[in-house]
Full PDB file with SEQRES, HELIX, SHEET, SSBOND, CRYST1, ORIGX, SCALE, CONECT and MASTER records, all heavy atoms in Angstrom:
SEQRES   1 A   36  CYS LEU ARG LYS ALA ASP ASN ILE ALA GLY ILE PHE SER          
SEQRES   2 A   36  ASP HIS LEU TYR PHE GLY ILE LEU LYS GLU GLU PHE TYR          
SEQRES   3 A   36  LYS LYS ASN HIS MET ASN LEU VAL ILE GLU                      
HELIX    1 AA1 LYS A   22  LYS A   28  1                                   7    
SHEET    1 AA1 2 LEU A   2  ILE A   8  0                                        
SHEET    2 AA1 2 ILE A  11  HIS A  15 -1                                        
CRYST1    1.000    1.000    1.000  90.00  90.00  90.00 P 1           1          
ORIGX1      1.000000  0.000000  0.000000        0.00000                         
ORIGX2      0.000000  1.000000  0.000000        0.00000                         
ORIGX3      0.000000  0.000000  1.000000        0.00000                         
SCALE1      1.000000  0.000000  0.000000        0.00000                         
SCALE2      0.000000  1.000000  0.000000        0.00000                         
SCALE3      0.000000  0.000000  1.000000        0.00000                         
ATOM      1  N   CYS A   1      -6.429  19.554  54.041  1.00  0.00           N  
ATOM      2  CA  CYS A   1      -6.108  18.273  53.324  1.00  0.00           C  
ATOM      3  C   CYS A   1      -4.779  17.670  53.997  1.00  0.00           C  
ATOM      4  O   CYS A   1      -3.836  18.350  54.187  1.00  0.00           O  
ATOM      5  CB  CYS A   1      -5.763  18.591  51.888  1.00  0.00           C  
ATOM      6  SG  CYS A   1      -5.040  17.211  50.955  1.00  0.00           S  
ATOM      7  N   LEU A   2      -4.912  16.443  54.470  1.00  0.00           N  
ATOM      8  CA  LEU A   2      -3.788  15.727  54.903  1.00  0.00           C  
ATOM      9  C   LEU A   2      -3.308  14.764  53.741  1.00  0.00           C  
ATOM     10  O   LEU A   2      -4.018  13.889  53.353  1.00  0.00           O  
ATOM     11  CB  LEU A   2      -4.176  14.900  56.118  1.00  0.00           C  
ATOM     12  CG  LEU A   2      -4.479  15.595  57.377  1.00  0.00           C  
ATOM     13  CD1 LEU A   2      -4.829  14.629  58.531  1.00  0.00           C  
ATOM     14  CD2 LEU A   2      -3.340  16.514  57.818  1.00  0.00           C  
ATOM     15  N   ARG A   3      -2.173  15.148  53.224  1.00  0.00           N  
ATOM     16  CA  ARG A   3      -1.632  14.447  52.111  1.00  0.00           C  
ATOM     17  C   ARG A   3      -1.221  12.996  52.387  1.00  0.00           C  
ATOM     18  O   ARG A   3      -0.616  12.717  53.407  1.00  0.00           O  
ATOM     19  CB  ARG A   3      -0.482  15.159  51.460  1.00  0.00           C  
ATOM     20  CG  ARG A   3      -0.824  16.634  50.998  1.00  0.00           C  
ATOM     21  CD  ARG A   3       0.342  17.434  50.639  1.00  0.00           C  
ATOM     22  NE  ARG A   3       1.163  17.689  51.858  1.00  0.00           N  
ATOM     23  CZ  ARG A   3       2.466  17.850  51.787  1.00  0.00           C  
ATOM     24  NH1 ARG A   3       3.103  17.776  50.634  1.00  0.00           N  
ATOM     25  NH2 ARG A   3       3.120  18.036  52.901  1.00  0.00           N  
ATOM     26  N   LYS A   4      -1.637  12.060  51.521  1.00  0.00           N  
ATOM     27  CA  LYS A   4      -1.368  10.628  51.730  1.00  0.00           C  
ATOM     28  C   LYS A   4      -1.595  10.102  53.120  1.00  0.00           C  
ATOM     29  O   LYS A   4      -0.807   9.388  53.652  1.00  0.00           O  
ATOM     30  CB  LYS A   4       0.070  10.366  51.260  1.00  0.00           C  
ATOM     31  CG  LYS A   4       0.373  10.588  49.789  1.00  0.00           C  
ATOM     32  CD  LYS A   4       1.658  10.050  49.313  1.00  0.00           C  
ATOM     33  CE  LYS A   4       1.883  10.189  47.892  1.00  0.00           C  
ATOM     34  NZ  LYS A   4       3.144   9.695  47.383  1.00  0.00           N  
ATOM     35  N   ALA A   5      -2.708  10.534  53.619  1.00  0.00           N  
ATOM     36  CA  ALA A   5      -3.089  10.091  54.997  1.00  0.00           C  
ATOM     37  C   ALA A   5      -3.839   8.775  55.063  1.00  0.00           C  
ATOM     38  O   ALA A   5      -3.978   8.175  56.089  1.00  0.00           O  
ATOM     39  CB  ALA A   5      -3.886  11.220  55.714  1.00  0.00           C  
ATOM     40  N   ASP A   6      -4.547   8.482  53.961  1.00  0.00           N  
ATOM     41  CA  ASP A   6      -5.388   7.268  53.881  1.00  0.00           C  
ATOM     42  C   ASP A   6      -4.701   6.172  53.123  1.00  0.00           C  
ATOM     43  O   ASP A   6      -4.194   6.321  52.066  1.00  0.00           O  
ATOM     44  CB  ASP A   6      -6.779   7.592  53.231  1.00  0.00           C  
ATOM     45  CG  ASP A   6      -7.591   8.489  54.061  1.00  0.00           C  
ATOM     46  OD1 ASP A   6      -7.323   8.644  55.271  1.00  0.00           O  
ATOM     47  OD2 ASP A   6      -8.499   9.175  53.489  1.00  0.00           O  
ATOM     48  N   ASN A   7      -4.710   4.946  53.696  1.00  0.00           N  
ATOM     49  CA  ASN A   7      -4.196   3.765  53.031  1.00  0.00           C  
ATOM     50  C   ASN A   7      -5.386   2.918  52.710  1.00  0.00           C  
ATOM     51  O   ASN A   7      -5.939   2.268  53.615  1.00  0.00           O  
ATOM     52  CB  ASN A   7      -3.205   3.047  53.940  1.00  0.00           C  
ATOM     53  CG  ASN A   7      -2.674   1.786  53.380  1.00  0.00           C  
ATOM     54  OD1 ASN A   7      -3.064   1.324  52.299  1.00  0.00           O  
ATOM     55  ND2 ASN A   7      -1.717   1.162  54.049  1.00  0.00           N  
ATOM     56  N   ILE A   8      -5.814   2.881  51.473  1.00  0.00           N  
ATOM     57  CA  ILE A   8      -6.903   2.052  51.039  1.00  0.00           C  
ATOM     58  C   ILE A   8      -6.355   0.994  50.113  1.00  0.00           C  
ATOM     59  O   ILE A   8      -5.911   1.270  49.014  1.00  0.00           O  
ATOM     60  CB  ILE A   8      -7.994   2.848  50.343  1.00  0.00           C  
ATOM     61  CG1 ILE A   8      -8.514   3.926  51.297  1.00  0.00           C  
ATOM     62  CG2 ILE A   8      -9.129   1.963  49.813  1.00  0.00           C  
ATOM     63  CD1 ILE A   8      -9.601   4.884  50.644  1.00  0.00           C  
ATOM     64  N   ALA A   9      -6.418  -0.237  50.574  1.00  0.00           N  
ATOM     65  CA  ALA A   9      -5.926  -1.454  49.830  1.00  0.00           C  
ATOM     66  C   ALA A   9      -4.501  -1.186  49.397  1.00  0.00           C  
ATOM     67  O   ALA A   9      -4.106  -1.563  48.276  1.00  0.00           O  
ATOM     68  CB  ALA A   9      -6.892  -1.733  48.629  1.00  0.00           C  
ATOM     69  N   GLY A  10      -3.671  -0.650  50.239  1.00  0.00           N  
ATOM     70  CA  GLY A  10      -2.322  -0.428  49.958  1.00  0.00           C  
ATOM     71  C   GLY A  10      -1.893   0.714  49.069  1.00  0.00           C  
ATOM     72  O   GLY A  10      -0.767   0.942  48.788  1.00  0.00           O  
ATOM     73  N   ILE A  11      -2.865   1.537  48.749  1.00  0.00           N  
ATOM     74  CA  ILE A  11      -2.664   2.773  48.004  1.00  0.00           C  
ATOM     75  C   ILE A  11      -2.928   3.983  48.828  1.00  0.00           C  
ATOM     76  O   ILE A  11      -3.960   4.131  49.465  1.00  0.00           O  
ATOM     77  CB  ILE A  11      -3.559   2.782  46.730  1.00  0.00           C  
ATOM     78  CG1 ILE A  11      -3.222   1.600  45.804  1.00  0.00           C  
ATOM     79  CG2 ILE A  11      -3.364   4.126  45.976  1.00  0.00           C  
ATOM     80  CD1 ILE A  11      -4.193   1.415  44.673  1.00  0.00           C  
ATOM     81  N   PHE A  12      -1.917   4.896  48.947  1.00  0.00           N  
ATOM     82  CA  PHE A  12      -2.102   6.105  49.810  1.00  0.00           C  
ATOM     83  C   PHE A  12      -2.725   7.145  48.981  1.00  0.00           C  
ATOM     84  O   PHE A  12      -2.412   7.394  47.804  1.00  0.00           O  
ATOM     85  CB  PHE A  12      -0.712   6.463  50.350  1.00  0.00           C  
ATOM     86  CG  PHE A  12      -0.236   5.595  51.420  1.00  0.00           C  
ATOM     87  CD1 PHE A  12       0.481   4.484  51.181  1.00  0.00           C  
ATOM     88  CD2 PHE A  12      -0.575   5.875  52.726  1.00  0.00           C  
ATOM     89  CE1 PHE A  12       0.915   3.663  52.210  1.00  0.00           C  
ATOM     90  CE2 PHE A  12      -0.101   5.063  53.758  1.00  0.00           C  
ATOM     91  CZ  PHE A  12       0.579   3.926  53.501  1.00  0.00           C  
ATOM     92  N   SER A  13      -3.672   7.893  49.628  1.00  0.00           N  
ATOM     93  CA  SER A  13      -4.284   9.050  49.077  1.00  0.00           C  
ATOM     94  C   SER A  13      -4.658  10.097  50.161  1.00  0.00           C  
ATOM     95  O   SER A  13      -4.514   9.836  51.335  1.00  0.00           O  
ATOM     96  CB  SER A  13      -5.569   8.559  48.371  1.00  0.00           C  
ATOM     97  OG  SER A  13      -6.370   7.847  49.198  1.00  0.00           O  
ATOM     98  N   ASP A  14      -5.040  11.270  49.687  1.00  0.00           N  
ATOM     99  CA  ASP A  14      -5.227  12.350  50.619  1.00  0.00           C  
ATOM    100  C   ASP A  14      -6.571  12.185  51.409  1.00  0.00           C  
ATOM    101  O   ASP A  14      -7.487  11.555  50.929  1.00  0.00           O  
ATOM    102  CB  ASP A  14      -5.323  13.682  49.904  1.00  0.00           C  
ATOM    103  CG  ASP A  14      -3.987  13.982  49.173  1.00  0.00           C  
ATOM    104  OD1 ASP A  14      -2.952  13.342  49.456  1.00  0.00           O  
ATOM    105  OD2 ASP A  14      -3.969  14.877  48.279  1.00  0.00           O  
ATOM    106  N   HIS A  15      -6.590  12.792  52.546  1.00  0.00           N  
ATOM    107  CA  HIS A  15      -7.813  12.903  53.276  1.00  0.00           C  
ATOM    108  C   HIS A  15      -8.252  14.377  53.387  1.00  0.00           C  
ATOM    109  O   HIS A  15      -7.401  15.192  53.826  1.00  0.00           O  
ATOM    110  CB  HIS A  15      -7.767  12.291  54.670  1.00  0.00           C  
ATOM    111  CG  HIS A  15      -9.010  12.037  55.342  1.00  0.00           C  
ATOM    112  ND1 HIS A  15      -9.673  10.830  55.211  1.00  0.00           N  
ATOM    113  CD2 HIS A  15      -9.805  12.797  56.119  1.00  0.00           C  
ATOM    114  CE1 HIS A  15     -10.874  10.906  55.846  1.00  0.00           C  
ATOM    115  NE2 HIS A  15     -10.938  12.105  56.448  1.00  0.00           N  
ATOM    116  N   LEU A  16      -9.455  14.687  52.972  1.00  0.00           N  
ATOM    117  CA  LEU A  16      -9.925  16.094  52.958  1.00  0.00           C  
ATOM    118  C   LEU A  16     -10.822  16.341  54.226  1.00  0.00           C  
ATOM    119  O   LEU A  16     -11.549  15.528  54.643  1.00  0.00           O  
ATOM    120  CB  LEU A  16     -10.728  16.357  51.702  1.00  0.00           C  
ATOM    121  CG  LEU A  16     -10.036  16.057  50.390  1.00  0.00           C  
ATOM    122  CD1 LEU A  16     -11.000  16.313  49.252  1.00  0.00           C  
ATOM    123  CD2 LEU A  16      -8.706  16.733  50.248  1.00  0.00           C  
ATOM    124  N   TYR A  17     -10.728  17.592  54.671  1.00  0.00           N  
ATOM    125  CA  TYR A  17     -11.525  18.005  55.857  1.00  0.00           C  
ATOM    126  C   TYR A  17     -12.420  19.167  55.502  1.00  0.00           C  
ATOM    127  O   TYR A  17     -12.052  20.052  54.767  1.00  0.00           O  
ATOM    128  CB  TYR A  17     -10.637  18.384  57.084  1.00  0.00           C  
ATOM    129  CG  TYR A  17     -10.008  17.157  57.672  1.00  0.00           C  
ATOM    130  CD1 TYR A  17      -8.715  16.765  57.245  1.00  0.00           C  
ATOM    131  CD2 TYR A  17     -10.667  16.428  58.592  1.00  0.00           C  
ATOM    132  CE1 TYR A  17      -8.185  15.602  57.813  1.00  0.00           C  
ATOM    133  CE2 TYR A  17     -10.112  15.310  59.161  1.00  0.00           C  
ATOM    134  CZ  TYR A  17      -8.881  14.856  58.756  1.00  0.00           C  
ATOM    135  OH  TYR A  17      -8.304  13.760  59.251  1.00  0.00           O  
ATOM    136  N   PHE A  18     -13.701  19.046  55.931  1.00  0.00           N  
ATOM    137  CA  PHE A  18     -14.690  20.013  55.578  1.00  0.00           C  
ATOM    138  C   PHE A  18     -15.382  20.538  56.935  1.00  0.00           C  
ATOM    139  O   PHE A  18     -15.389  19.904  57.902  1.00  0.00           O  
ATOM    140  CB  PHE A  18     -15.792  19.392  54.771  1.00  0.00           C  
ATOM    141  CG  PHE A  18     -15.341  18.990  53.369  1.00  0.00           C  
ATOM    142  CD1 PHE A  18     -14.680  17.766  53.247  1.00  0.00           C  
ATOM    143  CD2 PHE A  18     -15.528  19.783  52.241  1.00  0.00           C  
ATOM    144  CE1 PHE A  18     -14.241  17.352  51.965  1.00  0.00           C  
ATOM    145  CE2 PHE A  18     -15.117  19.406  51.022  1.00  0.00           C  
ATOM    146  CZ  PHE A  18     -14.413  18.175  50.861  1.00  0.00           C  
ATOM    147  N   GLY A  19     -15.933  21.712  56.810  1.00  0.00           N  
ATOM    148  CA  GLY A  19     -16.724  22.307  57.927  1.00  0.00           C  
ATOM    149  C   GLY A  19     -17.861  23.113  57.488  1.00  0.00           C  
ATOM    150  O   GLY A  19     -17.835  23.682  56.339  1.00  0.00           O  
ATOM    151  N   ILE A  20     -18.910  23.177  58.281  1.00  0.00           N  
ATOM    152  CA  ILE A  20     -20.034  24.013  57.970  1.00  0.00           C  
ATOM    153  C   ILE A  20     -20.573  24.682  59.254  1.00  0.00           C  
ATOM    154  O   ILE A  20     -20.591  24.023  60.265  1.00  0.00           O  
ATOM    155  CB  ILE A  20     -21.150  23.185  57.303  1.00  0.00           C  
ATOM    156  CG1 ILE A  20     -22.256  24.143  56.737  1.00  0.00           C  
ATOM    157  CG2 ILE A  20     -21.720  22.105  58.189  1.00  0.00           C  
ATOM    158  CD1 ILE A  20     -23.290  23.465  55.792  1.00  0.00           C  
ATOM    159  N   LEU A  21     -20.842  26.018  59.097  1.00  0.00           N  
ATOM    160  CA  LEU A  21     -21.397  26.750  60.251  1.00  0.00           C  
ATOM    161  C   LEU A  21     -22.889  26.803  60.133  1.00  0.00           C  
ATOM    162  O   LEU A  21     -23.478  26.720  59.075  1.00  0.00           O  
ATOM    163  CB  LEU A  21     -20.753  28.161  60.193  1.00  0.00           C  
ATOM    164  CG  LEU A  21     -19.288  28.251  60.218  1.00  0.00           C  
ATOM    165  CD1 LEU A  21     -18.867  29.730  60.210  1.00  0.00           C  
ATOM    166  CD2 LEU A  21     -18.660  27.568  61.439  1.00  0.00           C  
ATOM    167  N   LYS A  22     -23.489  27.060  61.274  1.00  0.00           N  
ATOM    168  CA  LYS A  22     -25.003  27.096  61.242  1.00  0.00           C  
ATOM    169  C   LYS A  22     -25.553  28.071  60.265  1.00  0.00           C  
ATOM    170  O   LYS A  22     -26.443  27.715  59.477  1.00  0.00           O  
ATOM    171  CB  LYS A  22     -25.501  27.514  62.652  1.00  0.00           C  
ATOM    172  CG  LYS A  22     -27.015  27.610  62.826  1.00  0.00           C  
ATOM    173  CD  LYS A  22     -27.421  28.287  64.068  1.00  0.00           C  
ATOM    174  CE  LYS A  22     -27.325  27.375  65.237  1.00  0.00           C  
ATOM    175  NZ  LYS A  22     -27.918  27.920  66.562  1.00  0.00           N  
ATOM    176  N   GLU A  23     -24.983  29.264  60.185  1.00  0.00           N  
ATOM    177  CA  GLU A  23     -25.564  30.244  59.243  1.00  0.00           C  
ATOM    178  C   GLU A  23     -25.329  29.866  57.783  1.00  0.00           C  
ATOM    179  O   GLU A  23     -26.122  30.186  56.929  1.00  0.00           O  
ATOM    180  CB  GLU A  23     -24.965  31.649  59.550  1.00  0.00           C  
ATOM    181  CG  GLU A  23     -23.442  31.778  59.430  1.00  0.00           C  
ATOM    182  CD  GLU A  23     -22.706  31.541  60.726  1.00  0.00           C  
ATOM    183  OE1 GLU A  23     -23.279  30.877  61.714  1.00  0.00           O  
ATOM    184  OE2 GLU A  23     -21.590  32.022  60.835  1.00  0.00           O  
ATOM    185  N   GLU A  24     -24.263  29.141  57.557  1.00  0.00           N  
ATOM    186  CA  GLU A  24     -23.972  28.703  56.093  1.00  0.00           C  
ATOM    187  C   GLU A  24     -24.975  27.588  55.751  1.00  0.00           C  
ATOM    188  O   GLU A  24     -25.475  27.615  54.662  1.00  0.00           O  
ATOM    189  CB  GLU A  24     -22.520  28.106  56.057  1.00  0.00           C  
ATOM    190  CG  GLU A  24     -21.484  29.174  56.228  1.00  0.00           C  
ATOM    191  CD  GLU A  24     -20.119  28.625  56.410  1.00  0.00           C  
ATOM    192  OE1 GLU A  24     -19.895  27.414  56.772  1.00  0.00           O  
ATOM    193  OE2 GLU A  24     -19.165  29.335  56.188  1.00  0.00           O  
ATOM    194  N   PHE A  25     -25.312  26.721  56.683  1.00  0.00           N  
ATOM    195  CA  PHE A  25     -26.316  25.690  56.414  1.00  0.00           C  
ATOM    196  C   PHE A  25     -27.660  26.284  56.091  1.00  0.00           C  
ATOM    197  O   PHE A  25     -28.326  25.940  55.171  1.00  0.00           O  
ATOM    198  CB  PHE A  25     -26.402  24.711  57.572  1.00  0.00           C  
ATOM    199  CG  PHE A  25     -27.471  23.672  57.457  1.00  0.00           C  
ATOM    200  CD1 PHE A  25     -27.305  22.611  56.497  1.00  0.00           C  
ATOM    201  CD2 PHE A  25     -28.605  23.718  58.181  1.00  0.00           C  
ATOM    202  CE1 PHE A  25     -28.277  21.664  56.388  1.00  0.00           C  
ATOM    203  CE2 PHE A  25     -29.596  22.775  58.045  1.00  0.00           C  
ATOM    204  CZ  PHE A  25     -29.459  21.730  57.152  1.00  0.00           C  
ATOM    205  N   TYR A  26     -28.107  27.211  56.910  1.00  0.00           N  
ATOM    206  CA  TYR A  26     -29.467  27.806  56.755  1.00  0.00           C  
ATOM    207  C   TYR A  26     -29.521  28.722  55.593  1.00  0.00           C  
ATOM    208  O   TYR A  26     -30.598  28.889  55.014  1.00  0.00           O  
ATOM    209  CB  TYR A  26     -29.969  28.418  58.054  1.00  0.00           C  
ATOM    210  CG  TYR A  26     -30.426  27.338  59.000  1.00  0.00           C  
ATOM    211  CD1 TYR A  26     -29.687  27.150  60.160  1.00  0.00           C  
ATOM    212  CD2 TYR A  26     -31.475  26.573  58.734  1.00  0.00           C  
ATOM    213  CE1 TYR A  26     -30.138  26.192  61.109  1.00  0.00           C  
ATOM    214  CE2 TYR A  26     -31.887  25.563  59.590  1.00  0.00           C  
ATOM    215  CZ  TYR A  26     -31.230  25.378  60.751  1.00  0.00           C  
ATOM    216  OH  TYR A  26     -31.646  24.384  61.619  1.00  0.00           O  
ATOM    217  N   LYS A  27     -28.384  29.302  55.152  1.00  0.00           N  
ATOM    218  CA  LYS A  27     -28.359  30.120  54.029  1.00  0.00           C  
ATOM    219  C   LYS A  27     -28.662  29.291  52.733  1.00  0.00           C  
ATOM    220  O   LYS A  27     -29.344  29.775  51.828  1.00  0.00           O  
ATOM    221  CB  LYS A  27     -27.035  30.910  53.838  1.00  0.00           C  
ATOM    222  CG  LYS A  27     -26.963  31.840  52.772  1.00  0.00           C  
ATOM    223  CD  LYS A  27     -25.670  32.570  52.747  1.00  0.00           C  
ATOM    224  CE  LYS A  27     -25.614  33.623  51.596  1.00  0.00           C  
ATOM    225  NZ  LYS A  27     -24.339  34.292  51.530  1.00  0.00           N  
ATOM    226  N   LYS A  28     -28.225  28.040  52.771  1.00  0.00           N  
ATOM    227  CA  LYS A  28     -28.335  27.177  51.592  1.00  0.00           C  
ATOM    228  C   LYS A  28     -29.454  26.207  51.661  1.00  0.00           C  
ATOM    229  O   LYS A  28     -29.982  25.690  50.591  1.00  0.00           O  
ATOM    230  CB  LYS A  28     -26.997  26.467  51.371  1.00  0.00           C  
ATOM    231  CG  LYS A  28     -26.837  25.819  50.085  1.00  0.00           C  
ATOM    232  CD  LYS A  28     -25.437  25.665  49.655  1.00  0.00           C  
ATOM    233  CE  LYS A  28     -25.409  25.237  48.232  1.00  0.00           C  
ATOM    234  NZ  LYS A  28     -24.180  25.257  47.609  1.00  0.00           N  
ATOM    235  N   ASN A  29     -29.950  25.884  52.780  1.00  0.00           N  
ATOM    236  CA  ASN A  29     -30.946  24.932  52.980  1.00  0.00           C  
ATOM    237  C   ASN A  29     -32.099  25.351  53.878  1.00  0.00           C  
ATOM    238  O   ASN A  29     -31.880  25.851  54.974  1.00  0.00           O  
ATOM    239  CB  ASN A  29     -30.352  23.653  53.713  1.00  0.00           C  
ATOM    240  CG  ASN A  29     -29.126  23.123  52.948  1.00  0.00           C  
ATOM    241  OD1 ASN A  29     -29.207  22.407  51.972  1.00  0.00           O  
ATOM    242  ND2 ASN A  29     -27.899  23.500  53.490  1.00  0.00           N  
ATOM    243  N   HIS A  30     -33.368  25.256  53.383  1.00  0.00           N  
ATOM    244  CA  HIS A  30     -34.517  25.663  54.125  1.00  0.00           C  
ATOM    245  C   HIS A  30     -35.159  24.398  54.645  1.00  0.00           C  
ATOM    246  O   HIS A  30     -35.672  23.574  53.884  1.00  0.00           O  
ATOM    247  CB  HIS A  30     -35.444  26.479  53.282  1.00  0.00           C  
ATOM    248  CG  HIS A  30     -34.795  27.671  52.682  1.00  0.00           C  
ATOM    249  ND1 HIS A  30     -34.478  28.818  53.425  1.00  0.00           N  
ATOM    250  CD2 HIS A  30     -34.258  27.883  51.419  1.00  0.00           C  
ATOM    251  CE1 HIS A  30     -33.867  29.713  52.625  1.00  0.00           C  
ATOM    252  NE2 HIS A  30     -33.707  29.167  51.406  1.00  0.00           N  
ATOM    253  N   MET A  31     -35.153  24.226  56.001  1.00  0.00           N  
ATOM    254  CA  MET A  31     -35.594  22.946  56.603  1.00  0.00           C  
ATOM    255  C   MET A  31     -36.753  23.136  57.543  1.00  0.00           C  
ATOM    256  O   MET A  31     -36.823  24.174  58.227  1.00  0.00           O  
ATOM    257  CB  MET A  31     -34.407  22.311  57.366  1.00  0.00           C  
ATOM    258  CG  MET A  31     -33.187  22.136  56.514  1.00  0.00           C  
ATOM    259  SD  MET A  31     -33.421  20.989  55.110  1.00  0.00           S  
ATOM    260  CE  MET A  31     -33.720  19.515  55.986  1.00  0.00           C  
ATOM    261  N   ASN A  32     -37.578  22.140  57.668  1.00  0.00           N  
ATOM    262  CA  ASN A  32     -38.640  22.128  58.674  1.00  0.00           C  
ATOM    263  C   ASN A  32     -38.615  20.700  59.297  1.00  0.00           C  
ATOM    264  O   ASN A  32     -39.297  19.800  58.921  1.00  0.00           O  
ATOM    265  CB  ASN A  32     -39.976  22.415  58.071  1.00  0.00           C  
ATOM    266  CG  ASN A  32     -41.009  22.650  59.011  1.00  0.00           C  
ATOM    267  OD1 ASN A  32     -40.739  22.781  60.202  1.00  0.00           O  
ATOM    268  ND2 ASN A  32     -42.256  22.641  58.605  1.00  0.00           N  
ATOM    269  N   LEU A  33     -37.755  20.571  60.339  1.00  0.00           N  
ATOM    270  CA  LEU A  33     -37.545  19.352  60.948  1.00  0.00           C  
ATOM    271  C   LEU A  33     -38.734  18.885  61.836  1.00  0.00           C  
ATOM    272  O   LEU A  33     -39.307  19.712  62.611  1.00  0.00           O  
ATOM    273  CB  LEU A  33     -36.284  19.365  61.840  1.00  0.00           C  
ATOM    274  CG  LEU A  33     -35.782  18.052  62.418  1.00  0.00           C  
ATOM    275  CD1 LEU A  33     -35.301  17.066  61.408  1.00  0.00           C  
ATOM    276  CD2 LEU A  33     -34.695  18.332  63.470  1.00  0.00           C  
ATOM    277  N   VAL A  34     -39.090  17.581  61.719  1.00  0.00           N  
ATOM    278  CA  VAL A  34     -40.126  17.038  62.625  1.00  0.00           C  
ATOM    279  C   VAL A  34     -39.512  15.885  63.471  1.00  0.00           C  
ATOM    280  O   VAL A  34     -38.867  15.051  62.943  1.00  0.00           O  
ATOM    281  CB  VAL A  34     -41.280  16.451  61.727  1.00  0.00           C  
ATOM    282  CG1 VAL A  34     -42.295  15.788  62.642  1.00  0.00           C  
ATOM    283  CG2 VAL A  34     -41.935  17.562  60.877  1.00  0.00           C  
ATOM    284  N   ILE A  35     -39.657  16.012  64.768  1.00  0.00           N  
ATOM    285  CA  ILE A  35     -39.154  14.977  65.710  1.00  0.00           C  
ATOM    286  C   ILE A  35     -40.280  14.249  66.341  1.00  0.00           C  
ATOM    287  O   ILE A  35     -41.224  14.835  66.940  1.00  0.00           O  
ATOM    288  CB  ILE A  35     -38.212  15.638  66.745  1.00  0.00           C  
ATOM    289  CG1 ILE A  35     -37.085  16.375  66.087  1.00  0.00           C  
ATOM    290  CG2 ILE A  35     -37.684  14.615  67.712  1.00  0.00           C  
ATOM    291  CD1 ILE A  35     -36.133  17.082  67.047  1.00  0.00           C  
ATOM    292  N   GLU A  36     -40.240  12.938  66.240  1.00  0.00           N  
ATOM    293  CA  GLU A  36     -41.245  12.042  66.858  1.00  0.00           C  
ATOM    294  C   GLU A  36     -40.559  11.163  67.826  1.00  0.00           C  
ATOM    295  O   GLU A  36     -39.532  10.561  67.524  1.00  0.00           O  
ATOM    296  CB  GLU A  36     -42.015  11.242  65.809  1.00  0.00           C  
ATOM    297  CG  GLU A  36     -42.678  12.105  64.748  1.00  0.00           C  
ATOM    298  CD  GLU A  36     -43.181  11.266  63.577  1.00  0.00           C  
ATOM    299  OE1 GLU A  36     -42.888  10.102  63.492  1.00  0.00           O  
ATOM    300  OE2 GLU A  36     -43.784  11.897  62.726  1.00  0.00           O  
TER     301      GLU A  36                                                      
MASTER        0    0    0    1    2    0    0    6  300    1    0    3          
END                                                                             
């Protein structure tokens, strides 16, 4: 979290950072991608 990092219409608020690893994604989501 970067505190008061975002200025939206003159009001400062925090910016949150997220990450996901391959194994975490597949543990939670079962996907069958099709590419055309």
